[in-house]
Amino acid sequence: MLSKSFVPGAALAIAAAIAVPASAHHSYAMFAVDKNIAVEGTVKQFMWTNPHSWIRLEVADANGKQQEWNVEMGSLTILVNLGWTPKTLQPGDKIKMTIHPMKSGLPGGDFVTLDSGGHNKITNDGGTQFREKQRAAHRAANS
């Protein structure tokens, strides 16, 4: 039999464990949000998932060797409101986009705009304006 003090203590521990990842979720610390770069490649996979969608893109480096770039996008709610669907990008689509690169220099980043290509020719920002507000709030809270 569980003691009466164990149950509230366990509930508190579970709540604390859940709160840490939830608060860390909206950090943009890994992205150089003050920089934009153009990336051009072939869609390997468009992951229509919550809390954020992702694009896996095959991009040729300076030597022509293919690298996989993982690009984080906005939430499904934002994307749907901007006209995106799960089929906006299809494997094999040739696209050009603007991203905030990874600070570490690793291949990948945070989506800014789809500049050309794609299956449905969507040319909106993928939720960038909304995410800019989130980043500003995050920076204000952590300064």
N, C-alpha and C. Protein backbone atom coordinates (compact mmCIF):
# COMPACT_ATOMS: atom_id res chain seq x y z
N MET A 1 0.84 -1.18 0.00
CA MET A 1 0.00 0.00 0.00
C MET A 1 0.89 1.25 0.00
N LEU A 2 0.52 2.25 -0.79
CA LEU A 2 1.28 3.48 -0.87
C LEU A 2 0.94 4.40 0.29
N SER A 3 1.95 5.09 0.78
CA SER A 3 1.68 6.04 1.86
C SER A 3 1.01 7.27 1.29
N LYS A 4 0.28 8.00 2.13
CA LYS A 4 -0.44 9.18 1.67
C LYS A 4 0.51 10.28 1.21
N SER A 5 1.70 10.33 1.76
CA SER A 5 2.65 11.37 1.35
C SER A 5 3.37 11.01 0.05
N PHE A 6 3.38 9.73 -0.31
CA PHE A 6 4.06 9.31 -1.54
C PHE A 6 3.33 9.80 -2.78
N VAL A 7 2.02 9.68 -2.82
CA VAL A 7 1.25 10.02 -4.00
C VAL A 7 1.42 11.50 -4.39
N PRO A 8 1.24 12.47 -3.46
CA PRO A 8 1.46 13.86 -3.86
C PRO A 8 2.92 14.12 -4.27
N GLY A 9 3.85 13.48 -3.59
CA GLY A 9 5.26 13.65 -3.93
C GLY A 9 5.56 13.12 -5.32
N ALA A 10 4.99 11.97 -5.66
CA ALA A 10 5.18 11.40 -7.00
C ALA A 10 4.55 12.29 -8.06
N ALA A 11 3.37 12.83 -7.77
CA ALA A 11 2.71 13.72 -8.72
C ALA A 11 3.55 14.97 -8.95
N LEU A 12 4.13 15.51 -7.90
CA LEU A 12 4.98 16.70 -8.01
C LEU A 12 6.23 16.39 -8.85
N ALA A 13 6.83 15.23 -8.63
CA ALA A 13 8.02 14.85 -9.39
C ALA A 13 7.69 14.69 -10.87
N ILE A 14 6.55 14.09 -11.17
CA ILE A 14 6.14 13.91 -12.57
C ILE A 14 5.89 15.26 -13.21
N ALA A 15 5.20 16.16 -12.50
CA ALA A 15 4.92 17.49 -13.04
C ALA A 15 6.22 18.24 -13.31
N ALA A 16 7.18 18.14 -12.42
CA ALA A 16 8.47 18.82 -12.62
C ALA A 16 9.21 18.25 -13.82
N ALA A 17 9.16 16.93 -13.98
CA ALA A 17 9.85 16.30 -15.11
C ALA A 17 9.23 16.73 -16.44
N ILE A 18 7.92 16.92 -16.47
CA ILE A 18 7.25 17.33 -17.70
C ILE A 18 7.50 18.81 -17.98
N ALA A 19 7.56 19.63 -16.94
CA ALA A 19 7.70 21.08 -17.10
C ALA A 19 9.04 21.47 -17.71
N VAL A 20 10.11 20.77 -17.39
CA VAL A 20 11.43 21.14 -17.91
C VAL A 20 11.48 21.02 -19.43
N PRO A 21 11.09 19.88 -20.03
CA PRO A 21 11.11 19.82 -21.50
C PRO A 21 10.13 20.81 -22.13
N ALA A 22 8.99 21.03 -21.50
CA ALA A 22 8.01 21.96 -22.06
C ALA A 22 8.58 23.37 -22.11
N SER A 23 9.27 23.78 -21.08
CA SER A 23 9.83 25.14 -21.07
C SER A 23 11.01 25.25 -22.04
N ALA A 24 11.73 24.17 -22.25
CA ALA A 24 12.88 24.19 -23.15
C ALA A 24 12.46 24.11 -24.61
N HIS A 25 11.24 23.69 -24.85
CA HIS A 25 10.77 23.44 -26.21
C HIS A 25 10.89 24.67 -27.11
N HIS A 26 10.64 25.86 -26.62
CA HIS A 26 10.61 27.03 -27.48
C HIS A 26 11.93 27.79 -27.51
N SER A 27 13.00 27.13 -27.17
CA SER A 27 14.30 27.78 -27.23
C SER A 27 14.80 27.80 -28.67
N TYR A 28 15.30 28.94 -29.09
CA TYR A 28 15.88 29.07 -30.42
C TYR A 28 17.38 29.32 -30.30
N ALA A 29 17.94 28.94 -29.16
CA ALA A 29 19.34 29.21 -28.89
C ALA A 29 20.28 28.55 -29.88
N MET A 30 19.86 27.45 -30.51
CA MET A 30 20.76 26.75 -31.43
C MET A 30 20.81 27.37 -32.81
N PHE A 31 19.89 28.30 -33.10
CA PHE A 31 19.83 28.93 -34.41
C PHE A 31 20.45 30.33 -34.38
N ALA A 32 21.12 30.69 -35.45
CA ALA A 32 21.65 32.06 -35.61
C ALA A 32 20.52 32.89 -36.22
N VAL A 33 19.59 33.34 -35.36
CA VAL A 33 18.38 34.02 -35.85
C VAL A 33 18.68 35.39 -36.44
N ASP A 34 19.89 35.88 -36.27
CA ASP A 34 20.28 37.16 -36.86
C ASP A 34 20.87 36.97 -38.26
N LYS A 35 20.92 35.72 -38.75
CA LYS A 35 21.48 35.43 -40.08
C LYS A 35 20.47 34.66 -40.91
N ASN A 36 20.47 34.93 -42.20
CA ASN A 36 19.67 34.18 -43.16
C ASN A 36 20.61 33.63 -44.22
N ILE A 37 20.39 32.37 -44.60
CA ILE A 37 21.14 31.79 -45.70
C ILE A 37 20.17 31.11 -46.66
N ALA A 38 20.53 31.06 -47.93
CA ALA A 38 19.74 30.35 -48.93
C ALA A 38 20.25 28.92 -49.03
N VAL A 39 19.34 27.99 -49.07
CA VAL A 39 19.68 26.57 -49.20
C VAL A 39 18.85 26.00 -50.34
N GLU A 40 19.51 25.25 -51.21
CA GLU A 40 18.84 24.66 -52.36
C GLU A 40 19.12 23.17 -52.37
N GLY A 41 18.08 22.38 -52.59
CA GLY A 41 18.29 20.94 -52.60
C GLY A 41 17.03 20.18 -52.98
N THR A 42 17.08 18.87 -52.70
CA THR A 42 15.98 17.96 -53.02
C THR A 42 15.36 17.46 -51.73
N VAL A 43 14.03 17.55 -51.66
CA VAL A 43 13.31 17.10 -50.47
C VAL A 43 13.48 15.59 -50.33
N LYS A 44 13.97 15.17 -49.20
CA LYS A 44 14.07 13.75 -48.87
C LYS A 44 12.80 13.32 -48.13
N GLN A 45 12.35 14.19 -47.20
CA GLN A 45 11.15 13.89 -46.43
C GLN A 45 10.57 15.18 -45.88
N PHE A 46 9.26 15.30 -45.91
CA PHE A 46 8.55 16.41 -45.27
C PHE A 46 7.74 15.79 -44.15
N MET A 47 8.13 16.09 -42.93
CA MET A 47 7.49 15.48 -41.76
C MET A 47 6.44 16.43 -41.21
N TRP A 48 5.20 16.11 -41.43
CA TRP A 48 4.04 16.89 -41.01
C TRP A 48 3.69 16.43 -39.60
N THR A 49 4.39 17.00 -38.61
CA THR A 49 4.28 16.53 -37.23
C THR A 49 4.13 17.70 -36.25
N ASN A 50 3.59 17.40 -35.09
CA ASN A 50 3.55 18.35 -33.98
C ASN A 50 4.68 18.04 -33.04
N PRO A 51 5.26 18.98 -32.34
CA PRO A 51 4.84 20.37 -32.27
C PRO A 51 5.38 21.21 -33.43
N HIS A 52 6.33 20.69 -34.19
CA HIS A 52 6.86 21.40 -35.35
C HIS A 52 7.02 20.44 -36.50
N SER A 53 6.83 20.95 -37.70
CA SER A 53 7.10 20.16 -38.90
C SER A 53 8.58 20.27 -39.23
N TRP A 54 9.06 19.33 -40.04
CA TRP A 54 10.48 19.29 -40.41
C TRP A 54 10.61 18.98 -41.88
N ILE A 55 11.66 19.53 -42.48
CA ILE A 55 12.03 19.18 -43.84
C ILE A 55 13.41 18.53 -43.77
N ARG A 56 13.52 17.33 -44.33
CA ARG A 56 14.83 16.69 -44.52
C ARG A 56 15.19 16.92 -45.97
N LEU A 57 16.31 17.58 -46.19
CA LEU A 57 16.69 18.03 -47.51
C LEU A 57 18.09 17.53 -47.86
N GLU A 58 18.26 17.04 -49.08
CA GLU A 58 19.58 16.65 -49.59
C GLU A 58 20.17 17.85 -50.30
N VAL A 59 21.31 18.32 -49.79
CA VAL A 59 21.97 19.53 -50.31
C VAL A 59 23.40 19.18 -50.69
N ALA A 60 23.84 19.62 -51.87
CA ALA A 60 25.22 19.38 -52.29
C ALA A 60 26.13 20.39 -51.60
N ASP A 61 27.22 19.90 -50.99
CA ASP A 61 28.19 20.81 -50.37
C ASP A 61 29.10 21.39 -51.46
N ALA A 62 30.10 22.15 -51.07
CA ALA A 62 31.00 22.83 -52.02
C ALA A 62 31.72 21.84 -52.94
N ASN A 63 31.91 20.59 -52.48
CA ASN A 63 32.60 19.57 -53.29
C ASN A 63 31.63 18.69 -54.06
N GLY A 64 30.33 18.99 -53.99
CA GLY A 64 29.33 18.20 -54.69
C GLY A 64 28.83 16.99 -53.92
N LYS A 65 29.35 16.79 -52.72
CA LYS A 65 28.91 15.66 -51.89
C LYS A 65 27.56 16.01 -51.25
N GLN A 66 26.63 15.06 -51.28
CA GLN A 66 25.30 15.28 -50.71
C GLN A 66 25.34 15.23 -49.18
N GLN A 67 24.72 16.23 -48.57
CA GLN A 67 24.57 16.29 -47.12
C GLN A 67 23.08 16.38 -46.80
N GLU A 68 22.68 15.77 -45.69
CA GLU A 68 21.29 15.89 -45.27
C GLU A 68 21.17 17.07 -44.31
N TRP A 69 20.26 17.98 -44.63
CA TRP A 69 19.95 19.12 -43.79
C TRP A 69 18.58 18.89 -43.15
N ASN A 70 18.48 19.14 -41.85
CA ASN A 70 17.20 19.06 -41.15
C ASN A 70 16.78 20.48 -40.82
N VAL A 71 15.60 20.86 -41.29
CA VAL A 71 15.12 22.23 -41.14
C VAL A 71 13.82 22.20 -40.34
N GLU A 72 13.82 22.89 -39.21
CA GLU A 72 12.64 22.98 -38.35
C GLU A 72 11.69 24.04 -38.88
N MET A 73 10.40 23.72 -38.84
CA MET A 73 9.37 24.65 -39.30
C MET A 73 8.42 24.99 -38.16
N GLY A 74 7.35 25.72 -38.49
CA GLY A 74 6.32 26.08 -37.52
C GLY A 74 5.41 24.90 -37.23
N SER A 75 4.42 25.16 -36.38
CA SER A 75 3.45 24.14 -36.00
C SER A 75 2.46 23.89 -37.14
N LEU A 76 1.74 22.78 -37.05
CA LEU A 76 0.75 22.45 -38.07
C LEU A 76 -0.33 23.52 -38.17
N THR A 77 -0.75 24.05 -37.02
CA THR A 77 -1.78 25.09 -37.02
C THR A 77 -1.34 26.29 -37.84
N ILE A 78 -0.12 26.73 -37.61
CA ILE A 78 0.41 27.87 -38.36
C ILE A 78 0.51 27.54 -39.84
N LEU A 79 1.06 26.38 -40.15
CA LEU A 79 1.25 25.99 -41.55
C LEU A 79 -0.08 25.89 -42.28
N VAL A 80 -1.09 25.26 -41.66
CA VAL A 80 -2.40 25.14 -42.29
C VAL A 80 -3.00 26.52 -42.55
N ASN A 81 -2.88 27.41 -41.58
CA ASN A 81 -3.41 28.77 -41.77
C ASN A 81 -2.71 29.51 -42.90
N LEU A 82 -1.51 29.10 -43.23
CA LEU A 82 -0.76 29.73 -44.32
C LEU A 82 -0.90 28.99 -45.65
N GLY A 83 -1.73 27.94 -45.66
CA GLY A 83 -2.00 27.23 -46.91
C GLY A 83 -1.21 25.97 -47.13
N TRP A 84 -0.39 25.56 -46.17
CA TRP A 84 0.39 24.34 -46.32
C TRP A 84 -0.50 23.13 -46.07
N THR A 85 -0.13 22.01 -46.69
CA THR A 85 -0.78 20.72 -46.45
C THR A 85 0.33 19.68 -46.30
N PRO A 86 -0.04 18.45 -45.89
CA PRO A 86 0.99 17.41 -45.80
C PRO A 86 1.65 17.10 -47.15
N LYS A 87 1.05 17.56 -48.24
CA LYS A 87 1.60 17.27 -49.57
C LYS A 87 2.22 18.49 -50.25
N THR A 88 2.40 19.57 -49.49
CA THR A 88 3.03 20.76 -50.07
C THR A 88 4.42 20.44 -50.58
N LEU A 89 5.15 19.66 -49.82
CA LEU A 89 6.47 19.21 -50.25
C LEU A 89 6.43 17.69 -50.36
N GLN A 90 6.96 17.19 -51.46
CA GLN A 90 6.98 15.75 -51.72
C GLN A 90 8.44 15.31 -51.90
N PRO A 91 8.76 14.08 -51.51
CA PRO A 91 10.11 13.59 -51.79
C PRO A 91 10.43 13.76 -53.27
N GLY A 92 11.61 14.29 -53.55
CA GLY A 92 12.05 14.52 -54.92
C GLY A 92 11.84 15.96 -55.39
N ASP A 93 11.02 16.74 -54.68
CA ASP A 93 10.82 18.14 -55.06
C ASP A 93 12.14 18.90 -54.94
N LYS A 94 12.43 19.70 -55.92
CA LYS A 94 13.60 20.60 -55.89
C LYS A 94 13.11 21.91 -55.30
N ILE A 95 13.75 22.35 -54.21
CA ILE A 95 13.32 23.58 -53.57
C ILE A 95 14.51 24.47 -53.24
N LYS A 96 14.19 25.74 -53.07
CA LYS A 96 15.15 26.71 -52.56
C LYS A 96 14.44 27.40 -51.41
N MET A 97 15.13 27.52 -50.28
CA MET A 97 14.52 28.18 -49.13
C MET A 97 15.55 29.02 -48.40
N THR A 98 15.03 29.89 -47.57
CA THR A 98 15.86 30.71 -46.70
C THR A 98 15.68 30.18 -45.29
N ILE A 99 16.80 30.03 -44.57
CA ILE A 99 16.74 29.54 -43.19
C ILE A 99 17.66 30.38 -42.30
N HIS A 100 17.41 30.27 -40.99
CA HIS A 100 18.37 30.73 -39.99
C HIS A 100 19.27 29.52 -39.74
N PRO A 101 20.57 29.61 -40.02
CA PRO A 101 21.44 28.44 -39.88
C PRO A 101 21.69 28.06 -38.43
N MET A 102 22.21 26.86 -38.24
CA MET A 102 22.62 26.40 -36.91
C MET A 102 23.85 27.19 -36.49
N LYS A 103 23.90 27.62 -35.24
CA LYS A 103 25.07 28.33 -34.73
C LYS A 103 26.31 27.44 -34.77
N SER A 104 26.10 26.13 -34.60
CA SER A 104 27.21 25.19 -34.55
C SER A 104 27.87 24.97 -35.91
N GLY A 105 27.21 25.40 -36.98
CA GLY A 105 27.73 25.17 -38.31
C GLY A 105 27.27 23.84 -38.91
N LEU A 106 26.56 23.04 -38.13
CA LEU A 106 26.02 21.79 -38.66
C LEU A 106 24.98 22.07 -39.73
N PRO A 107 24.78 21.13 -40.67
CA PRO A 107 23.80 21.36 -41.73
C PRO A 107 22.37 21.31 -41.18
N GLY A 108 21.69 22.42 -41.26
CA GLY A 108 20.32 22.50 -40.79
C GLY A 108 20.01 23.90 -40.32
N GLY A 109 18.77 24.09 -39.87
CA GLY A 109 18.40 25.39 -39.38
C GLY A 109 16.92 25.53 -39.14
N ASP A 110 16.51 26.78 -39.01
CA ASP A 110 15.14 27.16 -38.73
C ASP A 110 14.56 27.81 -39.98
N PHE A 111 13.45 27.29 -40.45
CA PHE A 111 12.80 27.73 -41.68
C PHE A 111 12.39 29.20 -41.62
N VAL A 112 12.68 29.93 -42.70
CA VAL A 112 12.23 31.31 -42.83
C VAL A 112 11.22 31.42 -43.97
N THR A 113 11.63 31.07 -45.20
CA THR A 113 10.71 31.12 -46.34
C THR A 113 11.02 30.01 -47.33
N LEU A 114 9.99 29.61 -48.06
CA LEU A 114 10.16 28.74 -49.22
C LEU A 114 10.22 29.68 -50.41
N ASP A 115 11.38 29.77 -51.03
CA ASP A 115 11.60 30.76 -52.09
C ASP A 115 11.19 30.25 -53.47
N SER A 116 11.33 28.96 -53.71
CA SER A 116 10.89 28.40 -54.99
C SER A 116 10.80 26.89 -54.86
N GLY A 117 10.03 26.31 -55.79
CA GLY A 117 9.89 24.86 -55.85
C GLY A 117 8.79 24.36 -54.96
N GLY A 118 8.82 23.06 -54.74
CA GLY A 118 7.77 22.43 -53.96
C GLY A 118 6.66 21.93 -54.85
N HIS A 119 5.91 21.02 -54.32
CA HIS A 119 4.85 20.36 -55.08
C HIS A 119 3.66 21.28 -55.35
N ASN A 120 3.33 22.12 -54.37
CA ASN A 120 2.15 22.97 -54.52
C ASN A 120 2.49 24.45 -54.67
N LYS A 121 3.74 24.78 -54.87
CA LYS A 121 4.17 26.16 -55.11
C LYS A 121 3.74 27.13 -54.02
N ILE A 122 3.78 26.69 -52.77
CA ILE A 122 3.49 27.58 -51.64
C ILE A 122 4.69 28.52 -51.48
N THR A 123 4.44 29.79 -51.34
CA THR A 123 5.54 30.74 -51.21
C THR A 123 5.39 31.61 -49.96
N ASN A 124 4.72 31.09 -48.95
CA ASN A 124 4.59 31.90 -47.74
C ASN A 124 5.65 31.53 -46.72
N ASP A 125 5.60 32.16 -45.57
CA ASP A 125 6.71 32.11 -44.62
C ASP A 125 6.74 30.94 -43.65
N GLY A 126 5.80 30.02 -43.70
CA GLY A 126 5.84 28.85 -42.82
C GLY A 126 5.74 29.18 -41.35
N GLY A 127 5.22 30.34 -41.00
CA GLY A 127 5.03 30.69 -39.60
C GLY A 127 6.14 31.56 -39.02
N THR A 128 6.99 32.10 -39.87
CA THR A 128 8.14 32.86 -39.39
C THR A 128 7.73 34.06 -38.54
N GLN A 129 6.72 34.80 -38.96
CA GLN A 129 6.33 35.99 -38.18
C GLN A 129 5.89 35.59 -36.77
N PHE A 130 5.11 34.54 -36.65
CA PHE A 130 4.68 34.06 -35.34
C PHE A 130 5.88 33.62 -34.52
N ARG A 131 6.82 32.90 -35.13
CA ARG A 131 7.98 32.40 -34.42
C ARG A 131 8.92 33.54 -34.01
N GLU A 132 8.97 34.61 -34.81
CA GLU A 132 9.77 35.77 -34.43
C GLU A 132 9.25 36.35 -33.11
N LYS A 133 7.93 36.39 -32.95
CA LYS A 133 7.34 36.88 -31.70
C LYS A 133 7.70 35.96 -30.55
N GLN A 134 7.68 34.64 -30.78
CA GLN A 134 8.08 33.68 -29.74
C GLN A 134 9.53 33.90 -29.34
N ARG A 135 10.42 34.08 -30.32
CA ARG A 135 11.83 34.29 -30.03
C ARG A 135 12.05 35.56 -29.22
N ALA A 136 11.34 36.63 -29.59
CA ALA A 136 11.48 37.90 -28.87
C ALA A 136 11.02 37.73 -27.43
N ALA A 137 9.93 37.02 -27.21
CA ALA A 137 9.45 36.78 -25.85
C ALA A 137 10.44 35.93 -25.08
N HIS A 138 11.04 34.95 -25.74
CA HIS A 138 12.02 34.07 -25.09
C HIS A 138 13.26 34.88 -24.69
N ARG A 139 13.74 35.72 -25.60
CA ARG A 139 14.91 36.54 -25.28
C ARG A 139 14.62 37.51 -24.13
N ALA A 140 13.44 38.10 -24.12
CA ALA A 140 13.05 39.05 -23.06
C ALA A 140 12.97 38.33 -21.71
N ALA A 141 12.46 37.12 -21.71
CA ALA A 141 12.31 36.36 -20.46
C ALA A 141 13.66 35.89 -19.92
N ASN A 142 14.63 35.73 -20.80
CA ASN A 142 15.94 35.20 -20.38
C ASN A 142 17.03 36.27 -20.31
N SER A 143 16.65 37.53 -20.36
CA SER A 143 17.69 38.57 -20.27
C SER A 143 17.63 39.30 -18.96
